[in-house]
C-alpha atoms as a PDB file:
ATOM      1  CA  UNK A   1      84.084 103.936  54.504  1.00  0.00           C
ATOM      2  CA  UNK A   2      86.541 106.834  54.714  1.00  0.00           C
ATOM      3  CA  UNK A   3      90.239 106.236  55.365  1.00  0.00           C
ATOM      4  CA  UNK A   4      92.862 108.781  56.362  1.00  0.00           C
ATOM      5  CA  UNK A   5      96.599 108.181  56.382  1.00  0.00           C
ATOM      6  CA  UNK A   6      99.553 110.121  57.740  1.00  0.00           C
ATOM      7  CA  UNK A   7     103.169 109.996  56.527  1.00  0.00           C
ATOM      8  CA  UNK A   8     104.285 108.396  59.819  1.00  0.00           C
ATOM      9  CA  UNK A   9     102.118 105.301  59.184  1.00  0.00           C
ATOM     10  CA  UNK A  10      99.078 106.217  61.309  1.00  0.00           C
ATOM     11  CA  UNK A  11      95.642 105.524  59.813  1.00  0.00           C
ATOM     12  CA  UNK A  12      92.036 106.144  60.775  1.00  0.00           C
ATOM     13  CA  UNK A  13      88.968 104.498  59.246  1.00  0.00           C
ATOM     14  CA  UNK A  14      85.377 105.659  59.601  1.00  0.00           C
ATOM     15  CA  UNK A  15      82.649 103.168  58.720  1.00  0.00           C
ATOM     16  CA  UNK A  16      79.031 104.318  58.423  1.00  0.00           C
ATOM     17  CA  UNK A  17      76.171 102.067  57.294  1.00  0.00           C
ATOM     18  CA  UNK A  18      73.750 104.809  56.170  1.00  0.00           C
ATOM     19  CA  UNK A  19      74.506 108.536  55.830  1.00  0.00           C
ATOM     20  CA  UNK A  20      70.811 109.534  56.136  1.00  0.00           C
ATOM     21  CA  UNK A  21      70.200 108.192  59.691  1.00  0.00           C
ATOM     22  CA  UNK A  22      70.251 110.934  62.376  1.00  0.00           C
ATOM     23  CA  UNK A  23      71.666 108.423  64.877  1.00  0.00           C
ATOM     24  CA  UNK A  24      74.450 106.157  63.642  1.00  0.00           C
ATOM     25  CA  UNK A  25      73.438 102.508  63.569  1.00  0.00           C
ATOM     26  CA  UNK A  26      75.452  99.884  65.461  1.00  0.00           C
ATOM     27  CA  UNK A  27      77.334  99.161  62.252  1.00  0.00           C
ATOM     28  CA  UNK A  28      78.991 102.613  62.372  1.00  0.00           C
ATOM     29  CA  UNK A  29      82.411 102.634  63.976  1.00  0.00           C
ATOM     30  CA  UNK A  30      85.827 104.244  63.995  1.00  0.00           C
ATOM     31  CA  UNK A  31      89.184 102.516  64.083  1.00  0.00           C
ATOM     32  CA  UNK A  32      92.743 103.745  64.160  1.00  0.00           C
ATOM     33  CA  UNK A  33      96.153 102.165  63.831  1.00  0.00           C
ATOM     34  CA  UNK A  34      99.597 103.375  64.745  1.00  0.00           C
ATOM     35  CA  UNK A  35     102.884 101.664  63.981  1.00  0.00           C
ATOM     36  CA  UNK A  36     104.862 100.229  66.888  1.00  0.00           C
ATOM     37  CA  UNK A  37     107.344 102.827  68.066  1.00  0.00           C
ATOM     38  CA  UNK A  38     109.503 103.437  71.113  1.00  0.00           C
ATOM     39  CA  UNK A  39     108.461 106.336  73.334  1.00  0.00           C
ATOM     40  CA  UNK A  40     112.117 107.056  74.112  1.00  0.00           C
ATOM     41  CA  UNK A  41     115.555 105.691  73.408  1.00  0.00           C
ATOM     42  CA  UNK A  42     116.398 102.558  75.404  1.00  0.00           C
ATOM     43  CA  UNK A  43     118.814 103.103  78.285  1.00  0.00           C
ATOM     44  CA  UNK A  44     121.094 100.644  79.994  1.00  0.00           C
ATOM     45  CA  UNK A  45     119.707  99.683  83.402  1.00  0.00           C
ATOM     46  CA  UNK A  46     121.711 100.981  86.358  1.00  0.00           C
ATOM     47  CA  UNK A  47     121.092  99.929  89.929  1.00  0.00           C
ATOM     48  CA  UNK A  48     120.487 102.881  92.289  1.00  0.00           C
ATOM     49  CA  UNK A  49     123.015 103.726  94.987  1.00  0.00           C
ATOM     50  CA  UNK A  50     122.605 101.744  98.186  1.00  0.00           C
ATOM     51  CA  UNK A  51     121.055 103.540 101.149  1.00  0.00           C
ATOM     52  CA  UNK A  52     122.746 101.146 103.562  1.00  0.00           C
ATOM     53  CA  UNK A  53     125.992  99.266 103.135  1.00  0.00           C
ATOM     54  CA  UNK A  54     127.749  96.728 105.308  1.00  0.00           C
ATOM     55  CA  UNK A  55     129.868  99.574 106.696  1.00  0.00           C
ATOM     56  CA  UNK A  56     126.867 101.814 107.587  1.00  0.00           C
ATOM     57  CA  UNK A  57     124.502  99.231 109.100  1.00  0.00           C
ATOM     58  CA  UNK A  58     123.666 100.003 112.726  1.00  0.00           C
ATOM     59  CA  UNK A  59     125.323  97.645 115.171  1.00  0.00           C
ATOM     60  CA  UNK A  60     123.119  94.593 115.799  1.00  0.00           C
ATOM     61  CA  UNK A  61     121.354  94.897 112.410  1.00  0.00           C
ATOM     62  CA  UNK A  62     121.968  93.287 108.996  1.00  0.00           C
ATOM     63  CA  UNK A  63     121.327  94.379 105.420  1.00  0.00           C
ATOM     64  CA  UNK A  64     117.816  93.593 104.226  1.00  0.00           C
ATOM     65  CA  UNK A  65     117.946  90.291 102.353  1.00  0.00           C
ATOM     66  CA  UNK A  66     115.187  91.489  99.991  1.00  0.00           C
ATOM     67  CA  UNK A  67     116.727  94.719  98.686  1.00  0.00           C
ATOM     68  CA  UNK A  68     120.369  94.294  99.788  1.00  0.00           C
ATOM     69  CA  UNK A  69     120.476  97.764 101.315  1.00  0.00           C
ATOM     70  CA  UNK A  70     118.709  99.685  98.543  1.00  0.00           C
ATOM     71  CA  UNK A  71     115.901 100.536 100.960  1.00  0.00           C
ATOM     72  CA  UNK A  72     113.131 100.129  98.401  1.00  0.00           C
ATOM     73  CA  UNK A  73     111.223  97.038  99.430  1.00  0.00           C
ATOM     74  CA  UNK A  74     108.127  96.343 101.540  1.00  0.00           C
ATOM     75  CA  UNK A  75     110.135  94.215 103.979  1.00  0.00           C
ATOM     76  CA  UNK A  76     112.409  96.959 105.296  1.00  0.00           C
ATOM     77  CA  UNK A  77     110.167  99.926 104.399  1.00  0.00           C
ATOM     78  CA  UNK A  78     113.163 101.947 103.233  1.00  0.00           C
ATOM     79  CA  UNK A  79     114.974 101.554 106.552  1.00  0.00           C
ATOM     80  CA  UNK A  80     117.693  99.430 104.933  1.00  0.00           C
END
């Protein structure tokens, strides 16, 4: 077995049953590990601006009850 380590905590291990075989046996395998890490800094969630509001709804229509005027749901198809 050969093990490699990096300063950031990542490791790789190579296991080989017999170095003389031209084709690695089923016992040969590789494994790697990385520490849990965030891909980016967490951000506070902000709702997007509404596409439709009560003031801009066409006469005779209402705001979509699914997306409340955001226009991003399968019910209204973005029509608000």
